[in-house]
């Protein structure tokens, strides 16, 4: 099944933020089953903390989470571009690893886009 929204999240040394940011994605009213979360570990240098947290998130929801592990830091822009190559949804959203979304953010944005682009 295709997801409605692909959300690309570049990550660099952000292990401390990931629980909260992922919870805000997982609890979206549109449903996590409608979201493809693409976390791009951008060569984090925190002793494996970020990639371990990302793997934990991926294990929690393997049907909705993709983790891309880059061997070296390429910068946020390039990490986003790499994440785009994994996206399969009709709509793309960029999200920072220390952000949190309002519970209905994805649903509201998706409905506006669908209505506007019909």
Foldseek 3Di string as FASTA:
>chain_A
DAAAEEEEEEDAPLLVQQVQAVVLCCLAPVHLLRYAYEYEDQQHDPPCSVVVSLVVSCVVPVNRYHYHYDNHHPDDVVSRVVSVVVHDHPYYHYDYSNDHDDRHVVVVVSVVVVVVVD
